[in-house]
Amino acid sequence: MARKYHSKQKNKPVISKADESGCHFSTFSIKNFRCFKSFTFDSIERINLIGGMNNAGKTTLLETIFLLLGTTNIHLVLKLNAFRGMESMDGNATSIRDIAWAHLFHNYDNQLIITINGGLVGDKQISITLKETSGQILTIPLGESEGKVTIGSSSVLAQALQLQYKNIKNKIYSVNLQIDSKGINFQPPLVEPLFPGIFLTARRRPSSMENASRYGQLDVVENQSNILTALKIIEPRLKRLSTIVIGSVPMIHGDIGIGRMLPLAVMGDGLGSLASLLLAISSAAGGVVLIDEIENGLHYSVMVQVWKAIAEAARHYDTQIFATTHSWECIESAQKAFLTSGPYDFRYHRLEQKDDTINAVTFDQSTLQTTIESGWEVR
């Protein structure tokens, strides 16, 4: 049976982010979330590149940060499923629960409590916890109705997931995601994000419409010239950019001197990938951008210049970046870029798994340079 999503709109005030003062992350600790039984992530910089073997937890780490950025937005749990291609949820309450959130718990142990804690610069902290709990009692008819009389009935507990968010003042807010006879129901967020966050997943990059919207925000404040300069790394012929609506869909177009404007979407994956990265950074000014497999669509020969453009944009917009990679060239290019592009505000972190434990090994400027020169494997 197909299930629908319902938001329980209650008359509760939304707390403005102006009521909290935030800054970028300096540490994370994670317990009982997917592959992370107990994990600590520190030595964090403005720009952080994360490597490691398959199933070491790189994407999962980005997902935990994404959930924490959402404060009380429990609907993000369902978004994580969509990011991984699990968009259809049919069946009874138990089977839907297995798809919706059971896999979030370490080793599928729903007796555990998931904790994600983020340390902010300035010794402040925010955190969320996720735990399975019983929902309301539902009464389900067992037999056929005869006139207005139902023959027999049964009561069962609905499946529910509870999210609790603790702000920098240690105040706790709770919201629920529940599977019942009406489908999947969730409460609306009670607290706005502390700062903006954008997740660029490996499976889905922003659409042409999303990029056009983000470019439009830059165009309004006449701050789009840096994007044009950076995109010339991929396409040197690029003279100007413009948002053009074709068939009711706005898309960014570029002028490369052939007598007409072309959509960026048809000018190669590299141009589109770099545009998506830079537009996300500008749109999350003062916040966080998460990028899974940052090298996707980009040729290794331009990666040093790409990293310089990313670094410049992140500093300009005061945006913190967490990105994953499988590419040696991506790591080496990042090191070269940050050695020659202003302050070395970059860290490479390698996730290493042994048995049921995952640790993060962090390489600063000196250790990463030594490792690269020695040719040691750090991916």
Protein backbone atom coordinates (compact mmCIF):
# COMPACT_ATOMS: atom_id res chain seq x y z
CA MET A 1 0.00 0.00 0.00
CA ALA A 2 1.45 3.37 -0.99
CA ARG A 3 1.99 5.83 1.81
CA LYS A 4 1.59 9.60 1.77
CA TYR A 5 3.48 12.20 3.75
CA HIS A 6 1.53 14.47 6.09
CA SER A 7 2.89 17.37 8.11
CA LYS A 8 1.12 17.97 11.40
CA GLN A 9 0.79 21.74 11.37
CA LYS A 10 0.48 22.74 14.99
CA ASN A 11 0.24 26.30 16.21
CA LYS A 12 3.70 26.42 17.74
CA PRO A 13 6.01 29.41 17.28
CA VAL A 14 9.05 29.04 15.11
CA ILE A 15 12.14 30.17 16.98
CA SER A 16 14.25 32.49 14.88
CA LYS A 17 17.91 31.75 14.36
CA ALA A 18 18.44 35.31 15.56
CA ASP A 19 17.76 33.96 19.06
CA GLU A 20 21.00 31.95 18.83
CA SER A 21 24.50 33.02 17.87
CA GLY A 22 26.38 30.46 15.84
CA CYS A 23 29.65 29.88 14.04
CA HIS A 24 31.43 27.12 12.18
CA PHE A 25 32.08 23.60 13.44
CA SER A 26 35.33 22.63 15.16
CA THR A 27 34.48 19.05 16.25
CA PHE A 28 31.88 16.32 15.82
CA SER A 29 31.09 13.24 17.84
CA ILE A 30 28.74 10.53 16.62
CA LYS A 31 27.31 7.51 18.42
CA ASN A 32 25.26 4.62 17.02
CA PHE A 33 24.58 6.14 13.60
CA ARG A 34 24.93 3.57 10.80
CA CYS A 35 28.58 2.48 10.66
CA PHE A 36 29.62 4.80 13.50
CA LYS A 37 29.40 3.05 16.86
CA SER A 38 31.48 5.77 18.50
CA PHE A 39 33.32 8.31 16.37
CA THR A 40 35.11 11.60 16.97
CA PHE A 41 36.02 14.06 14.24
CA ASP A 42 38.19 17.03 15.15
CA SER A 43 41.08 19.18 13.85
CA ILE A 44 38.49 20.65 11.50
CA GLU A 45 39.36 23.57 9.21
CA ARG A 46 37.40 25.87 6.92
CA ILE A 47 37.81 23.39 4.04
CA ASN A 48 37.90 19.67 4.82
CA LEU A 49 38.49 16.84 2.36
CA ILE A 50 37.57 13.33 3.52
CA GLY A 51 38.95 10.11 2.05
CA GLY A 52 39.01 6.43 2.89
CA MET A 53 38.10 3.00 1.56
CA ASN A 54 34.61 2.06 0.42
CA ASN A 55 32.20 1.67 3.37
CA ALA A 56 34.53 3.64 5.66
CA GLY A 57 31.73 6.12 6.37
CA LYS A 58 32.59 9.12 4.18
CA THR A 59 29.06 9.76 2.91
CA THR A 60 27.58 8.83 6.28
CA LEU A 61 29.71 11.51 7.94
CA LEU A 62 28.26 14.12 5.58
CA GLU A 63 24.76 12.84 6.35
CA THR A 64 25.24 13.28 10.10
CA ILE A 65 26.35 16.88 9.57
CA PHE A 66 23.33 17.43 7.30
CA LEU A 67 20.95 16.19 10.00
CA LEU A 68 22.60 18.38 12.62
CA LEU A 69 22.33 21.44 10.38
CA GLY A 70 18.57 20.82 10.16
CA THR A 71 18.03 21.23 13.95
CA THR A 72 14.42 19.97 14.39
CA ASN A 73 13.69 19.21 10.72
CA ILE A 74 12.98 15.49 11.07
CA HIS A 75 11.87 15.30 7.44
CA LEU A 76 15.59 15.27 6.57
CA VAL A 77 15.61 11.61 7.67
CA LEU A 78 13.45 10.83 4.64
CA LYS A 79 15.62 13.05 2.45
CA LEU A 80 18.65 10.90 3.30
CA ASN A 81 16.77 7.93 1.85
CA ALA A 82 16.08 9.86 -1.36
CA PHE A 83 19.75 10.79 -1.63
CA ARG A 84 20.58 7.07 -1.62
CA GLY A 85 17.87 6.21 -4.13
CA MET A 86 15.31 4.84 -1.63
CA GLU A 87 12.31 6.93 -2.56
CA SER A 88 9.49 4.38 -2.66
CA MET A 89 8.01 3.17 0.63
CA ASP A 90 5.13 0.72 0.30
CA GLY A 91 3.80 -1.93 2.65
CA ASN A 92 2.68 -2.17 6.25
CA ALA A 93 3.96 0.00 9.10
CA THR A 94 6.81 -2.35 9.99
CA SER A 95 8.18 -2.66 6.47
CA ILE A 96 7.95 1.10 5.92
CA ARG A 97 9.76 1.68 9.21
CA ASP A 98 12.58 -0.61 8.01
CA ILE A 99 13.02 1.55 4.92
CA ALA A 100 12.42 4.92 6.56
CA TRP A 101 14.75 4.83 9.55
CA ALA A 102 15.68 1.37 10.89
CA HIS A 103 18.93 1.44 8.92
CA LEU A 104 20.04 4.62 10.70
CA PHE A 105 20.76 2.66 13.89
CA HIS A 106 24.10 0.93 14.27
CA ASN A 107 23.69 -2.74 13.29
CA TYR A 108 19.92 -2.12 13.05
CA ASP A 109 19.70 -2.10 16.85
CA ASN A 110 16.62 0.02 17.56
CA GLN A 111 17.26 -0.13 21.30
CA LEU A 112 20.18 2.26 20.82
CA ILE A 113 20.01 6.05 20.92
CA ILE A 114 21.72 7.95 18.10
CA THR A 115 23.64 11.02 19.20
CA ILE A 116 25.24 13.60 16.90
CA ASN A 117 27.09 16.42 18.64
CA GLY A 118 28.67 19.42 16.96
CA GLY A 119 31.23 21.60 18.70
CA LEU A 120 31.26 25.18 17.45
CA VAL A 121 34.12 27.62 17.43
CA GLY A 122 33.88 29.45 20.75
CA ASP A 123 33.20 26.35 22.90
CA LYS A 124 29.50 26.21 22.09
CA GLN A 125 27.67 23.01 21.18
CA ILE A 126 24.53 21.80 19.48
CA SER A 127 23.30 18.22 19.29
CA ILE A 128 20.51 15.95 18.12
CA THR A 129 19.40 12.56 19.36
CA LEU A 130 17.26 10.04 17.50
CA LYS A 131 15.43 7.21 19.19
CA GLU A 132 12.61 4.87 18.33
CA THR A 133 9.51 5.30 20.42
CA SER A 134 5.90 4.15 20.47
CA GLY A 135 3.36 6.32 18.74
CA GLN A 136 -0.35 6.61 19.40
CA ILE A 137 -2.55 3.51 19.76
CA LEU A 138 -4.50 2.68 16.60
CA THR A 139 -7.71 0.68 16.53
CA ILE A 140 -7.99 -1.55 13.47
CA PRO A 141 -11.20 -3.43 12.50
CA LEU A 142 -10.73 -7.20 12.27
CA GLY A 143 -13.91 -8.19 10.48
CA GLU A 144 -16.57 -7.03 8.06
CA SER A 145 -19.14 -4.45 9.12
CA GLU A 146 -22.75 -5.55 9.34
CA GLY A 147 -24.79 -2.40 9.06
CA LYS A 148 -23.14 -0.09 11.57
CA VAL A 149 -21.65 -2.79 13.75
CA THR A 150 -18.00 -3.83 13.38
CA ILE A 151 -17.25 -7.42 14.31
CA GLY A 152 -14.10 -7.31 16.48
CA SER A 153 -11.21 -4.86 16.59
CA SER A 154 -7.53 -4.77 17.54
CA SER A 155 -5.27 -2.07 18.97
CA VAL A 156 -1.67 -1.68 17.85
CA LEU A 157 1.07 0.87 18.52
CA ALA A 158 2.12 3.07 15.63
CA GLN A 159 5.82 3.13 14.66
CA ALA A 160 7.53 6.40 15.60
CA LEU A 161 10.94 8.07 15.56
CA GLN A 162 11.70 10.93 17.91
CA LEU A 163 14.28 13.65 17.26
CA GLN A 164 15.49 15.89 20.06
CA TYR A 165 17.57 18.99 19.36
CA LYS A 166 19.64 20.76 22.01
CA ASN A 167 20.65 24.33 21.20
CA ILE A 168 23.68 26.29 22.39
CA LYS A 169 21.74 27.30 25.52
CA ASN A 170 21.01 23.62 26.35
CA LYS A 171 17.30 24.02 25.61
CA ILE A 172 15.75 20.85 24.16
CA TYR A 173 13.06 20.63 21.46
CA SER A 174 11.35 17.39 20.36
CA VAL A 175 9.62 16.40 17.12
CA ASN A 176 8.28 13.06 15.88
CA LEU A 177 8.09 11.09 12.65
CA GLN A 178 5.28 8.53 12.82
CA ILE A 179 3.92 5.78 10.62
CA ASP A 180 0.22 5.21 11.20
CA SER A 181 -2.94 4.40 9.30
CA LYS A 182 -2.71 7.70 7.38
CA GLY A 183 0.84 7.14 6.19
CA ILE A 184 4.04 8.90 7.26
CA ASN A 185 3.37 11.90 9.47
CA PHE A 186 5.91 14.38 10.76
CA GLN A 187 5.84 17.53 12.83
CA PRO A 188 7.12 20.73 11.22
CA PRO A 189 10.45 22.15 12.43
CA LEU A 190 10.33 24.11 15.67
CA VAL A 191 13.75 25.76 15.34
CA GLU A 192 15.32 27.39 12.29
CA PRO A 193 18.83 26.33 11.27
CA LEU A 194 21.67 28.02 13.09
CA PHE A 195 23.23 28.82 9.72
CA PRO A 196 22.54 27.79 6.10
CA GLY A 197 23.56 24.38 4.78
CA ILE A 198 23.56 22.76 1.34
CA PHE A 199 24.23 19.09 0.54
CA LEU A 200 25.47 18.24 -2.98
CA THR A 201 25.12 14.48 -3.18
CA ALA A 202 27.06 12.21 -5.52
CA ARG A 203 23.82 10.82 -6.96
CA ARG A 204 22.12 14.18 -7.54
CA ARG A 205 23.68 17.52 -8.35
CA PRO A 206 21.54 20.68 -8.40
CA SER A 207 19.13 21.05 -11.30
CA SER A 208 19.46 23.78 -13.93
CA MET A 209 16.59 25.60 -12.22
CA GLU A 210 18.29 25.48 -8.82
CA ASN A 211 21.53 26.83 -10.27
CA ALA A 212 19.64 29.57 -12.11
CA SER A 213 17.95 30.60 -8.86
CA ARG A 214 21.26 30.73 -7.01
CA TYR A 215 22.89 32.67 -9.82
CA GLY A 216 19.98 35.10 -9.77
CA GLN A 217 20.67 35.85 -6.11
CA LEU A 218 24.23 36.81 -7.04
CA ASP A 219 23.07 38.83 -10.03
CA VAL A 220 20.78 40.92 -7.84
CA VAL A 221 23.73 42.14 -5.77
CA GLU A 222 26.05 42.36 -8.80
CA ASN A 223 28.36 39.75 -7.33
CA GLN A 224 28.44 37.29 -10.23
CA SER A 225 31.77 38.30 -11.80
CA ASN A 226 33.78 35.90 -9.63
CA ILE A 227 31.69 32.98 -10.91
CA LEU A 228 32.39 33.97 -14.52
CA THR A 229 36.13 34.24 -13.85
CA ALA A 230 36.22 30.83 -12.17
CA LEU A 231 34.26 29.12 -14.96
CA LYS A 232 36.89 30.25 -17.45
CA ILE A 233 39.10 27.59 -15.86
CA ILE A 234 36.95 25.05 -17.71
CA GLU A 235 35.89 27.17 -20.72
CA PRO A 236 38.38 29.98 -21.55
CA ARG A 237 36.10 31.30 -24.34
CA LEU A 238 33.35 32.21 -21.85
CA LYS A 239 32.58 35.95 -22.10
CA ARG A 240 29.42 36.42 -20.07
CA LEU A 241 26.61 34.61 -18.27
CA SER A 242 22.88 35.24 -18.29
CA THR A 243 19.74 33.57 -16.99
CA ILE A 244 17.34 32.88 -19.85
CA VAL A 245 13.87 31.32 -19.57
CA ILE A 246 13.14 28.70 -22.22
CA GLY A 247 9.87 26.80 -22.10
CA SER A 248 9.08 28.31 -18.66
CA VAL A 249 12.32 26.90 -17.19
CA PRO A 250 15.09 29.36 -16.22
CA MET A 251 18.61 28.21 -17.07
CA ILE A 252 22.05 29.80 -16.94
CA HIS A 253 23.43 30.44 -20.43
CA GLY A 254 26.94 31.33 -21.47
CA ASP A 255 28.40 33.32 -24.37
CA ILE A 256 31.45 31.62 -25.92
CA GLY A 257 31.51 33.73 -29.08
CA ILE A 258 29.58 31.56 -31.54
CA GLY A 259 26.78 34.05 -32.18
CA ARG A 260 24.27 32.74 -29.63
CA MET A 261 24.05 31.90 -25.94
CA LEU A 262 24.28 28.25 -24.90
CA PRO A 263 22.86 26.58 -21.76
CA LEU A 264 25.63 25.59 -19.34
CA ALA A 265 23.95 22.19 -19.17
CA VAL A 266 25.04 21.42 -22.75
CA MET A 267 28.56 22.83 -22.39
CA GLY A 268 30.04 19.83 -20.58
CA ASP A 269 29.87 18.21 -17.15
CA GLY A 270 32.96 20.05 -15.93
CA LEU A 271 31.44 23.50 -16.42
CA GLY A 272 28.19 22.43 -14.80
CA SER A 273 29.97 20.79 -11.87
CA LEU A 274 32.11 23.81 -11.10
CA ALA A 275 29.16 26.16 -11.43
CA SER A 276 27.12 24.02 -9.01
CA LEU A 277 29.96 24.00 -6.46
CA LEU A 278 30.56 27.74 -6.55
CA LEU A 279 26.88 28.66 -6.55
CA ALA A 280 26.27 26.41 -3.54
CA ILE A 281 29.15 28.09 -1.67
CA SER A 282 27.77 31.55 -2.40
CA SER A 283 24.23 30.53 -1.43
CA ALA A 284 25.39 29.12 1.91
CA ALA A 285 27.27 32.28 2.93
CA GLY A 286 28.20 32.05 6.60
CA GLY A 287 27.16 28.39 6.63
CA VAL A 288 28.19 24.92 5.50
CA VAL A 289 28.36 23.10 2.14
CA LEU A 290 28.59 19.29 2.02
CA ILE A 291 29.89 17.76 -1.23
CA ASP A 292 29.97 14.02 -1.88
CA GLU A 293 32.65 13.00 -4.42
CA ILE A 294 33.77 16.53 -5.18
CA GLU A 295 35.83 15.49 -8.22
CA ASN A 296 32.78 14.26 -10.17
CA GLY A 297 32.73 15.75 -13.68
CA LEU A 298 36.09 17.52 -13.28
CA HIS A 299 39.24 16.53 -15.19
CA TYR A 300 42.35 16.07 -13.06
CA SER A 301 44.29 18.60 -15.17
CA VAL A 302 42.16 21.53 -13.91
CA MET A 303 41.82 20.43 -10.28
CA VAL A 304 44.51 22.76 -8.88
CA GLN A 305 42.74 25.80 -10.37
CA VAL A 306 39.37 24.43 -9.29
CA TRP A 307 40.57 24.11 -5.70
CA LYS A 308 41.90 27.67 -5.79
CA ALA A 309 38.50 28.90 -6.96
CA ILE A 310 36.76 26.91 -4.23
CA ALA A 311 39.15 28.27 -1.60
CA GLU A 312 38.64 31.86 -2.74
CA ALA A 313 34.86 31.49 -2.75
CA ALA A 314 34.78 29.80 0.67
CA ARG A 315 36.84 32.60 2.21
CA HIS A 316 34.87 35.33 0.46
CA TYR A 317 31.49 33.98 1.60
CA ASP A 318 32.73 32.63 4.95
CA THR A 319 31.51 29.15 4.06
CA GLN A 320 32.79 25.95 5.66
CA ILE A 321 33.18 22.94 3.34
CA PHE A 322 33.16 19.19 3.97
CA ALA A 323 33.83 17.13 0.83
CA THR A 324 34.63 13.48 0.08
CA THR A 325 36.85 11.98 -2.59
CA HIS A 326 38.24 8.71 -3.94
CA SER A 327 40.82 10.46 -6.12
CA TRP A 328 44.57 10.73 -5.50
CA GLU A 329 44.74 13.59 -8.03
CA CYS A 330 42.05 15.45 -6.08
CA ILE A 331 44.05 15.21 -2.84
CA GLU A 332 47.35 16.15 -4.48
CA SER A 333 45.75 19.07 -6.33
CA ALA A 334 44.18 20.41 -3.14
CA GLN A 335 47.56 20.39 -1.43
CA LYS A 336 49.19 22.27 -4.31
CA ALA A 337 46.36 24.81 -4.41
CA PHE A 338 46.38 25.62 -0.71
CA LEU A 339 50.16 25.91 -0.58
CA THR A 340 49.93 28.76 -3.09
CA SER A 341 46.57 30.44 -2.45
CA GLY A 342 46.58 32.43 0.74
CA PRO A 343 46.17 30.94 4.22
CA TYR A 344 46.43 27.17 4.52
CA ASP A 345 42.87 26.69 5.81
CA PHE A 346 42.62 23.09 4.58
CA ARG A 347 42.71 19.64 6.19
CA TYR A 348 42.66 16.18 4.71
CA HIS A 349 41.03 13.49 6.88
CA ARG A 350 41.24 9.77 6.11
CA LEU A 351 38.63 7.46 7.64
CA GLU A 352 40.09 4.10 8.65
CA GLN A 353 38.00 1.13 9.75
CA LYS A 354 39.17 -1.76 11.90
CA ASP A 355 36.60 -4.30 13.04
CA ASP A 356 33.66 -2.26 14.38
CA THR A 357 35.63 0.95 14.92
CA ILE A 358 36.19 3.88 12.56
CA ASN A 359 38.81 6.53 13.25
CA ALA A 360 39.70 9.74 11.46
CA VAL A 361 43.40 10.31 10.74
CA THR A 362 44.03 13.99 10.02
CA PHE A 363 46.88 15.28 7.85
CA ASP A 364 48.02 18.85 8.39
CA GLN A 365 50.09 20.79 5.84
CA SER A 366 53.41 19.21 6.77
CA THR A 367 52.30 15.58 7.14
CA LEU A 368 50.25 15.67 3.93
CA GLN A 369 53.17 17.11 1.97
CA THR A 370 55.52 14.43 3.31
CA THR A 371 52.99 11.72 2.50
CA ILE A 372 52.50 12.94 -1.08
CA GLU A 373 56.24 13.24 -1.71
CA SER A 374 56.77 9.72 -0.37
CA GLY A 375 53.99 8.31 -2.52
CA TRP A 376 52.20 6.68 0.40
CA GLU A 377 48.59 5.66 -0.09
CA VAL A 378 46.18 8.06 1.64
CA ARG A 379 42.98 7.68 -0.36
